């Protein structure tokens, strides 16, 4: 199996020297997504709930474009700029990722790019058609 690099068109474009998605077989590794709204080109700067919703909507767009979806996520890593936002982020995360939650790591980062409050990366299965 070879690695395939995918730069999606529906989600936010990469803001640095990295690929949005790298696939190996039927496993997709999606780079950390932030609060950039692909429709407006602006970062969502509202509450942590609003930011988390934007991040998860971005991941949803990307996964759907490659033939997957949030229900196929195996593992997430959540980066918060402030762990005091953990409970509020969790409420939104649970709505999007439940009821069969993926494995998860959540850490507080010293500072996230573009001063975002949350960033999430995922590993997901691409189901066979």
N, C-alpha and C. Protein backbone atom coordinates (compact mmCIF):
# COMPACT_ATOMS: atom_id res chain seq x y z
N UNK A 1 0.84 -1.19 0.00
CA UNK A 1 0.00 0.00 0.00
C UNK A 1 0.87 1.24 0.00
N UNK A 2 0.43 2.21 -0.72
CA UNK A 2 1.14 3.47 -0.76
C UNK A 2 0.35 4.55 -0.05
N UNK A 3 1.08 5.53 0.40
CA UNK A 3 0.42 6.68 1.02
C UNK A 3 -0.16 7.56 -0.08
N UNK A 4 -1.36 8.07 0.19
CA UNK A 4 -2.02 9.00 -0.73
C UNK A 4 -2.23 10.31 0.01
N UNK A 5 -1.88 11.39 -0.64
CA UNK A 5 -2.05 12.73 -0.08
C UNK A 5 -3.29 13.34 -0.71
N UNK A 6 -4.18 13.87 0.14
CA UNK A 6 -5.41 14.47 -0.35
C UNK A 6 -5.54 15.87 0.23
N UNK A 7 -5.68 16.83 -0.63
CA UNK A 7 -5.99 18.20 -0.20
C UNK A 7 -7.41 18.48 -0.63
N UNK A 8 -8.30 18.50 0.32
CA UNK A 8 -9.72 18.62 0.03
C UNK A 8 -10.07 20.03 -0.42
N UNK A 9 -11.24 20.16 -1.03
CA UNK A 9 -11.68 21.46 -1.52
C UNK A 9 -12.84 22.03 -0.71
N UNK A 10 -13.53 21.20 0.08
CA UNK A 10 -14.69 21.68 0.83
C UNK A 10 -14.32 22.22 2.20
N UNK A 11 -13.31 21.66 2.82
CA UNK A 11 -12.85 22.14 4.13
C UNK A 11 -11.84 23.25 3.95
N UNK A 12 -11.36 23.78 5.06
CA UNK A 12 -10.34 24.85 4.98
C UNK A 12 -9.07 24.34 4.31
N UNK A 13 -8.43 25.19 3.54
CA UNK A 13 -7.17 24.80 2.93
C UNK A 13 -6.05 24.87 3.96
N UNK A 14 -5.03 24.06 3.74
CA UNK A 14 -3.89 24.02 4.66
C UNK A 14 -3.23 25.38 4.73
N UNK A 15 -2.87 25.79 5.93
CA UNK A 15 -2.24 27.08 6.16
C UNK A 15 -0.74 26.93 6.43
N UNK A 16 -0.15 25.91 5.89
CA UNK A 16 1.27 25.67 6.09
C UNK A 16 1.74 24.51 5.24
N UNK A 17 2.98 24.07 5.47
CA UNK A 17 3.54 22.98 4.66
C UNK A 17 3.11 21.60 5.19
N UNK A 18 1.83 21.30 5.04
CA UNK A 18 1.30 20.00 5.44
C UNK A 18 0.12 19.66 4.55
N UNK A 19 -0.26 18.39 4.55
CA UNK A 19 -1.41 17.92 3.78
C UNK A 19 -2.62 17.86 4.70
N UNK A 20 -3.79 18.14 4.16
CA UNK A 20 -5.02 18.06 4.94
C UNK A 20 -5.27 16.63 5.37
N UNK A 21 -5.12 15.68 4.44
CA UNK A 21 -5.36 14.27 4.72
C UNK A 21 -4.26 13.44 4.08
N UNK A 22 -3.80 12.44 4.83
CA UNK A 22 -2.92 11.43 4.28
C UNK A 22 -3.59 10.09 4.55
N UNK A 23 -3.74 9.28 3.49
CA UNK A 23 -4.39 7.98 3.63
C UNK A 23 -3.37 6.88 3.41
N UNK A 24 -3.57 5.80 4.14
CA UNK A 24 -2.80 4.58 3.96
C UNK A 24 -3.81 3.45 4.02
N UNK A 25 -4.03 2.81 2.89
CA UNK A 25 -5.11 1.83 2.82
C UNK A 25 -6.43 2.55 3.03
N UNK A 26 -7.24 2.02 3.93
CA UNK A 26 -8.53 2.64 4.19
C UNK A 26 -8.53 3.46 5.48
N UNK A 27 -7.36 3.89 5.92
CA UNK A 27 -7.24 4.73 7.11
C UNK A 27 -6.81 6.13 6.68
N UNK A 28 -7.56 7.12 7.18
CA UNK A 28 -7.28 8.53 6.87
C UNK A 28 -6.76 9.23 8.12
N UNK A 29 -5.66 9.93 7.96
CA UNK A 29 -5.07 10.74 9.02
C UNK A 29 -5.34 12.19 8.65
N UNK A 30 -6.20 12.83 9.40
CA UNK A 30 -6.61 14.20 9.08
C UNK A 30 -5.86 15.16 9.99
N UNK A 31 -5.15 16.10 9.37
CA UNK A 31 -4.40 17.10 10.13
C UNK A 31 -5.33 17.88 11.05
N UNK A 32 -4.75 18.42 12.11
CA UNK A 32 -5.52 19.21 13.05
C UNK A 32 -6.28 20.31 12.35
N UNK A 33 -7.56 20.40 12.66
CA UNK A 33 -8.42 21.42 12.08
C UNK A 33 -8.79 22.43 13.15
N UNK A 34 -8.86 23.67 12.70
CA UNK A 34 -9.17 24.76 13.62
C UNK A 34 -10.48 25.42 13.28
N UNK A 35 -10.58 26.67 13.63
CA UNK A 35 -11.84 27.40 13.58
C UNK A 35 -12.04 28.22 12.31
N UNK A 36 -11.22 27.98 11.29
CA UNK A 36 -11.38 28.72 10.04
C UNK A 36 -12.65 28.28 9.33
N UNK A 37 -13.52 29.24 9.04
CA UNK A 37 -14.76 28.96 8.33
C UNK A 37 -14.45 29.00 6.83
N UNK A 38 -14.57 27.85 6.13
CA UNK A 38 -14.21 27.84 4.71
C UNK A 38 -15.12 28.72 3.85
N UNK A 39 -16.33 28.99 4.31
CA UNK A 39 -17.26 29.83 3.53
C UNK A 39 -16.86 31.30 3.57
N UNK A 40 -16.31 31.75 4.70
CA UNK A 40 -15.99 33.17 4.84
C UNK A 40 -14.49 33.46 4.81
N UNK A 41 -13.67 32.43 5.06
CA UNK A 41 -12.23 32.64 5.14
C UNK A 41 -11.80 33.30 6.44
N UNK A 42 -12.72 33.40 7.40
CA UNK A 42 -12.44 34.04 8.69
C UNK A 42 -12.42 32.99 9.80
N UNK A 43 -11.63 33.27 10.83
CA UNK A 43 -11.60 32.39 12.00
C UNK A 43 -12.77 32.71 12.91
N UNK A 44 -13.43 31.67 13.42
CA UNK A 44 -14.49 31.86 14.40
C UNK A 44 -13.81 32.20 15.72
N UNK A 45 -14.17 33.33 16.31
CA UNK A 45 -13.54 33.81 17.54
C UNK A 45 -14.49 33.84 18.72
N UNK A 46 -15.65 33.22 18.59
CA UNK A 46 -16.66 33.26 19.64
C UNK A 46 -16.31 32.36 20.82
N UNK A 47 -17.34 31.89 21.47
CA UNK A 47 -17.20 31.02 22.64
C UNK A 47 -16.50 29.72 22.26
N UNK A 48 -16.05 28.98 23.25
CA UNK A 48 -15.41 27.69 22.98
C UNK A 48 -16.41 26.73 22.34
N UNK A 49 -17.69 26.87 22.68
CA UNK A 49 -18.72 26.04 22.04
C UNK A 49 -18.81 26.35 20.56
N UNK A 50 -18.82 27.63 20.20
CA UNK A 50 -18.88 28.03 18.79
C UNK A 50 -17.63 27.57 18.04
N UNK A 51 -16.49 27.71 18.68
CA UNK A 51 -15.24 27.29 18.05
C UNK A 51 -15.21 25.78 17.85
N UNK A 52 -15.63 25.03 18.86
CA UNK A 52 -15.63 23.56 18.75
C UNK A 52 -16.58 23.11 17.66
N UNK A 53 -17.74 23.74 17.58
CA UNK A 53 -18.69 23.40 16.52
C UNK A 53 -18.08 23.64 15.14
N UNK A 54 -17.39 24.76 14.95
CA UNK A 54 -16.77 25.05 13.66
C UNK A 54 -15.71 24.00 13.32
N UNK A 55 -14.89 23.64 14.30
CA UNK A 55 -13.85 22.63 14.08
C UNK A 55 -14.48 21.31 13.65
N UNK A 56 -15.51 20.87 14.37
CA UNK A 56 -16.14 19.59 14.05
C UNK A 56 -16.88 19.64 12.71
N UNK A 57 -17.45 20.78 12.37
CA UNK A 57 -18.07 20.93 11.04
C UNK A 57 -16.99 20.84 9.95
N UNK A 58 -15.82 21.43 10.20
CA UNK A 58 -14.72 21.33 9.23
C UNK A 58 -14.30 19.88 9.05
N UNK A 59 -14.15 19.16 10.16
CA UNK A 59 -13.78 17.75 10.07
C UNK A 59 -14.85 16.95 9.34
N UNK A 60 -16.10 17.24 9.60
CA UNK A 60 -17.21 16.56 8.93
C UNK A 60 -17.13 16.78 7.42
N UNK A 61 -16.92 18.03 6.99
CA UNK A 61 -16.79 18.34 5.56
C UNK A 61 -15.65 17.55 4.92
N UNK A 62 -14.51 17.54 5.57
CA UNK A 62 -13.33 16.86 5.04
C UNK A 62 -13.57 15.37 4.94
N UNK A 63 -14.09 14.77 6.02
CA UNK A 63 -14.32 13.33 6.02
C UNK A 63 -15.35 12.93 4.97
N UNK A 64 -16.41 13.68 4.85
CA UNK A 64 -17.43 13.36 3.84
C UNK A 64 -16.86 13.45 2.43
N UNK A 65 -15.98 14.41 2.21
CA UNK A 65 -15.39 14.57 0.87
C UNK A 65 -14.53 13.37 0.48
N UNK A 66 -13.93 12.70 1.46
CA UNK A 66 -13.09 11.54 1.15
C UNK A 66 -13.84 10.22 1.29
N UNK A 67 -15.17 10.29 1.49
CA UNK A 67 -15.97 9.07 1.56
C UNK A 67 -16.07 8.46 2.94
N UNK A 68 -15.85 9.26 3.96
CA UNK A 68 -15.93 8.79 5.34
C UNK A 68 -16.95 9.65 6.08
N UNK A 69 -16.83 9.74 7.38
CA UNK A 69 -17.72 10.56 8.18
C UNK A 69 -17.33 10.50 9.64
N UNK A 70 -17.93 11.34 10.44
CA UNK A 70 -17.59 11.38 11.87
C UNK A 70 -17.84 10.03 12.54
N UNK A 71 -18.83 9.28 12.04
CA UNK A 71 -19.13 7.98 12.65
C UNK A 71 -18.03 6.94 12.42
N UNK A 72 -17.09 7.23 11.53
CA UNK A 72 -15.98 6.33 11.24
C UNK A 72 -14.67 6.75 11.92
N UNK A 73 -14.74 7.78 12.76
CA UNK A 73 -13.53 8.24 13.45
C UNK A 73 -13.12 7.21 14.50
N UNK A 74 -11.85 6.84 14.46
CA UNK A 74 -11.30 5.86 15.40
C UNK A 74 -10.62 6.53 16.59
N UNK A 75 -9.99 7.67 16.34
CA UNK A 75 -9.17 8.33 17.38
C UNK A 75 -9.17 9.82 17.12
N UNK A 76 -9.28 10.60 18.18
CA UNK A 76 -9.14 12.05 18.08
C UNK A 76 -8.08 12.53 19.05
N UNK A 77 -7.48 13.64 18.71
CA UNK A 77 -6.64 14.38 19.64
C UNK A 77 -7.18 15.79 19.67
N UNK A 78 -7.56 16.23 20.86
CA UNK A 78 -8.13 17.57 21.06
C UNK A 78 -7.08 18.42 21.76
N UNK A 79 -6.81 19.57 21.20
CA UNK A 79 -5.89 20.54 21.79
C UNK A 79 -6.70 21.75 22.23
N UNK A 80 -6.62 22.08 23.50
CA UNK A 80 -7.30 23.26 24.04
C UNK A 80 -6.27 24.28 24.47
N UNK A 81 -6.56 25.55 24.23
CA UNK A 81 -5.65 26.59 24.70
C UNK A 81 -5.82 26.83 26.20
N UNK A 82 -6.96 26.38 26.75
CA UNK A 82 -7.24 26.56 28.18
C UNK A 82 -8.08 25.38 28.65
N UNK A 83 -7.53 24.56 29.54
CA UNK A 83 -8.23 23.37 30.02
C UNK A 83 -9.49 23.74 30.80
N UNK A 84 -9.64 24.99 31.19
CA UNK A 84 -10.89 25.42 31.84
C UNK A 84 -12.07 25.32 30.87
N UNK A 85 -11.80 25.20 29.58
CA UNK A 85 -12.84 25.06 28.58
C UNK A 85 -13.22 23.61 28.29
N UNK A 86 -12.64 22.69 29.05
CA UNK A 86 -12.84 21.25 28.80
C UNK A 86 -14.32 20.86 28.81
N UNK A 87 -15.06 21.23 29.84
CA UNK A 87 -16.46 20.82 29.97
C UNK A 87 -17.31 21.39 28.83
N UNK A 88 -17.10 22.64 28.49
CA UNK A 88 -17.88 23.27 27.42
C UNK A 88 -17.55 22.63 26.07
N UNK A 89 -16.28 22.35 25.82
CA UNK A 89 -15.89 21.67 24.58
C UNK A 89 -16.52 20.29 24.54
N UNK A 90 -16.51 19.59 25.67
CA UNK A 90 -17.04 18.22 25.75
C UNK A 90 -18.52 18.15 25.39
N UNK A 91 -19.28 19.15 25.76
CA UNK A 91 -20.71 19.16 25.44
C UNK A 91 -20.94 19.13 23.94
N UNK A 92 -20.21 19.98 23.22
CA UNK A 92 -20.34 20.02 21.77
C UNK A 92 -19.77 18.75 21.15
N UNK A 93 -18.61 18.34 21.61
CA UNK A 93 -17.94 17.14 21.10
C UNK A 93 -18.87 15.93 21.20
N UNK A 94 -19.55 15.77 22.33
CA UNK A 94 -20.43 14.63 22.56
C UNK A 94 -21.59 14.61 21.56
N UNK A 95 -22.12 15.76 21.21
CA UNK A 95 -23.21 15.84 20.24
C UNK A 95 -22.76 15.34 18.86
N UNK A 96 -21.55 15.68 18.48
CA UNK A 96 -21.04 15.31 17.16
C UNK A 96 -20.47 13.89 17.11
N UNK A 97 -19.84 13.46 18.18
CA UNK A 97 -19.05 12.22 18.12
C UNK A 97 -19.74 11.00 18.73
N UNK A 98 -20.85 11.19 19.43
CA UNK A 98 -21.51 10.07 20.10
C UNK A 98 -22.48 9.35 19.19
N UNK A 99 -23.06 8.27 19.64
CA UNK A 99 -22.90 7.68 20.96
C UNK A 99 -21.73 6.70 21.05
N UNK A 100 -21.20 6.26 19.92
CA UNK A 100 -20.06 5.33 19.93
C UNK A 100 -18.78 6.13 19.79
N UNK A 101 -18.32 6.67 20.90
CA UNK A 101 -17.20 7.61 20.89
C UNK A 101 -15.89 6.95 20.47
N UNK A 102 -15.08 7.68 19.72
CA UNK A 102 -13.75 7.18 19.38
C UNK A 102 -12.82 7.30 20.59
N UNK A 103 -11.67 6.65 20.50
CA UNK A 103 -10.63 6.87 21.49
C UNK A 103 -10.22 8.34 21.40
N UNK A 104 -9.73 8.91 22.52
CA UNK A 104 -9.42 10.34 22.50
C UNK A 104 -8.31 10.68 23.47
N UNK A 105 -7.53 11.66 23.07
CA UNK A 105 -6.57 12.32 23.94
C UNK A 105 -6.93 13.79 23.93
N UNK A 106 -6.88 14.44 25.09
CA UNK A 106 -7.15 15.88 25.17
C UNK A 106 -6.06 16.52 26.01
N UNK A 107 -5.42 17.53 25.46
CA UNK A 107 -4.34 18.20 26.18
C UNK A 107 -4.51 19.72 26.07
N UNK A 108 -3.90 20.40 27.02
CA UNK A 108 -3.82 21.86 26.93
C UNK A 108 -2.52 22.20 26.24
N UNK A 109 -2.63 22.97 25.17
CA UNK A 109 -1.45 23.43 24.43
C UNK A 109 -1.08 24.81 24.94
N UNK A 110 0.19 25.10 24.96
CA UNK A 110 0.64 26.41 25.41
C UNK A 110 0.01 27.54 24.61
N UNK A 111 -0.08 27.34 23.31
CA UNK A 111 -0.70 28.32 22.42
C UNK A 111 -0.99 27.62 21.10
N UNK A 112 -2.17 27.84 20.56
CA UNK A 112 -2.54 27.24 19.28
C UNK A 112 -2.34 28.25 18.15
N UNK A 113 -2.13 27.75 16.92
CA UNK A 113 -1.97 28.66 15.79
C UNK A 113 -3.15 29.63 15.67
N UNK A 114 -2.86 30.82 15.26
CA UNK A 114 -3.87 31.85 15.03
C UNK A 114 -4.69 32.15 16.28
N UNK A 115 -4.11 31.84 17.45
CA UNK A 115 -4.76 32.09 18.75
C UNK A 115 -6.15 31.45 18.86
N UNK A 116 -6.31 30.28 18.27
CA UNK A 116 -7.57 29.56 18.37
C UNK A 116 -7.69 28.97 19.77
N UNK A 117 -8.93 28.67 20.16
CA UNK A 117 -9.18 28.06 21.46
C UNK A 117 -9.16 26.54 21.43
N UNK A 118 -9.35 25.97 20.23
CA UNK A 118 -9.42 24.52 20.10
C UNK A 118 -8.95 24.09 18.71
N UNK A 119 -8.32 22.95 18.65
CA UNK A 119 -7.91 22.30 17.41
C UNK A 119 -8.11 20.81 17.61
N UNK A 120 -8.58 20.11 16.59
CA UNK A 120 -8.82 18.67 16.70
C UNK A 120 -8.28 17.97 15.46
N UNK A 121 -7.55 16.87 15.69
CA UNK A 121 -7.11 16.02 14.59
C UNK A 121 -7.77 14.66 14.76
N UNK A 122 -7.96 13.94 13.64
CA UNK A 122 -8.62 12.64 13.71
C UNK A 122 -7.92 11.61 12.85
N UNK A 123 -8.13 10.37 13.24
CA UNK A 123 -7.80 9.21 12.42
C UNK A 123 -9.13 8.51 12.18
N UNK A 124 -9.43 8.24 10.91
CA UNK A 124 -10.74 7.67 10.58
C UNK A 124 -10.60 6.57 9.53
N UNK A 125 -11.57 5.69 9.56
CA UNK A 125 -11.67 4.65 8.55
C UNK A 125 -12.43 5.21 7.35
N UNK A 126 -12.03 4.80 6.16
CA UNK A 126 -12.81 5.09 4.96
C UNK A 126 -13.48 3.76 4.61
N UNK A 127 -14.79 3.67 4.81
CA UNK A 127 -15.45 2.38 4.58
C UNK A 127 -15.40 1.98 3.12
N UNK A 128 -15.36 0.68 2.90
CA UNK A 128 -15.37 0.17 1.52
C UNK A 128 -16.76 0.34 0.96
N UNK A 129 -16.81 0.68 -0.30
CA UNK A 129 -18.11 0.90 -0.94
C UNK A 129 -18.77 -0.39 -1.31
